Amino acid sequence: QAIQAINGYTNMTAEEFTNMIFQKIDVNNDGELTLEEFINGVEKDEDLMELITKSFDLSNVLKIIQNG
């Protein structure tokens, strides 16, 4: 949630974001994601890759630090 707030990425709640990821990449539907499932799922889904890349873009944090 903090990363979403810092980046201004608030189109969905943390719960909605998590549910969307599980729906897309929990291939065995066990309600858990292994690191392997997560990596494979993100690599295969361009939209998810872009979403995660934006979510972890910390350039706005650097701007805040630079501006005091």
Protein backbone atom coordinates (compact mmCIF):
# COMPACT_ATOMS: atom_id res chain seq x y z
CA GLN A 1 0.00 0.00 0.00
CA ALA A 2 2.85 2.36 0.82
CA ILE A 3 4.44 1.89 -2.59
CA GLN A 4 1.10 2.50 -4.27
CA ALA A 5 0.57 5.67 -2.23
CA ILE A 6 4.08 6.99 -2.90
CA ASN A 7 3.76 6.43 -6.62
CA GLY A 8 0.20 7.69 -6.83
CA TYR A 9 -0.87 4.33 -8.21
CA THR A 10 -4.24 3.95 -6.54
CA ASN A 11 -6.46 2.54 -9.28
CA MET A 12 -7.09 -0.53 -7.12
CA THR A 13 -6.85 -1.44 -3.48
CA ALA A 14 -4.07 -3.68 -2.19
CA GLU A 15 -6.64 -6.47 -1.80
CA GLU A 16 -7.88 -6.04 -5.39
CA PHE A 17 -4.28 -6.04 -6.62
CA THR A 18 -3.49 -9.24 -4.70
CA ASN A 19 -6.66 -10.98 -5.90
CA MET A 20 -5.89 -10.05 -9.50
CA ILE A 21 -2.37 -11.47 -9.23
CA PHE A 22 -3.64 -14.74 -7.74
CA GLN A 23 -6.33 -15.09 -10.42
CA LYS A 24 -3.75 -14.64 -13.15
CA ILE A 25 -0.81 -16.68 -11.89
CA ASP A 26 -1.81 -19.18 -9.17
CA VAL A 27 -1.68 -21.99 -11.73
CA ASN A 28 -2.46 -24.83 -9.35
CA ASN A 29 -5.20 -22.85 -7.53
CA ASP A 30 -3.90 -23.70 -4.09
CA GLY A 31 -4.23 -20.13 -2.80
CA GLU A 32 -0.46 -19.79 -2.47
CA LEU A 33 2.16 -18.46 -4.84
CA THR A 34 5.57 -20.00 -5.02
CA LEU A 35 8.38 -17.78 -6.26
CA GLU A 36 8.47 -19.90 -9.40
CA GLU A 37 4.73 -19.39 -10.07
CA PHE A 38 5.09 -15.67 -9.49
CA ILE A 39 8.10 -15.24 -11.80
CA ASN A 40 6.63 -17.42 -14.56
CA GLY A 41 3.26 -15.70 -14.32
CA VAL A 42 4.69 -12.21 -14.49
CA GLU A 43 6.99 -13.12 -17.38
CA LYS A 44 4.02 -14.45 -19.39
CA ASP A 45 1.67 -11.51 -18.73
CA GLU A 46 2.75 -8.20 -20.28
CA ASP A 47 0.05 -6.20 -18.49
CA LEU A 48 1.01 -7.65 -15.13
CA MET A 49 4.71 -7.01 -15.82
CA GLU A 50 3.95 -3.36 -16.62
CA LEU A 51 1.74 -3.01 -13.54
CA ILE A 52 4.38 -4.45 -11.22
CA THR A 53 7.12 -2.39 -12.83
CA LYS A 54 5.10 0.78 -12.21
CA SER A 55 4.27 -0.27 -8.67
CA PHE A 56 7.92 -0.66 -7.79
CA ASP A 57 9.14 2.45 -9.60
CA LEU A 58 10.72 4.49 -6.82
CA SER A 59 11.58 7.54 -8.95
CA ASN A 60 8.89 9.55 -7.14
CA VAL A 61 10.53 8.71 -3.82
CA LEU A 62 13.82 10.11 -5.11
CA LYS A 63 12.05 13.32 -6.18
CA ILE A 64 10.53 13.71 -2.72
CA ILE A 65 13.93 13.18 -1.09
CA GLN A 66 15.62 15.64 -3.43
CA ASN A 67 12.95 18.29 -2.79
CA GLY A 68 13.26 17.91 0.97
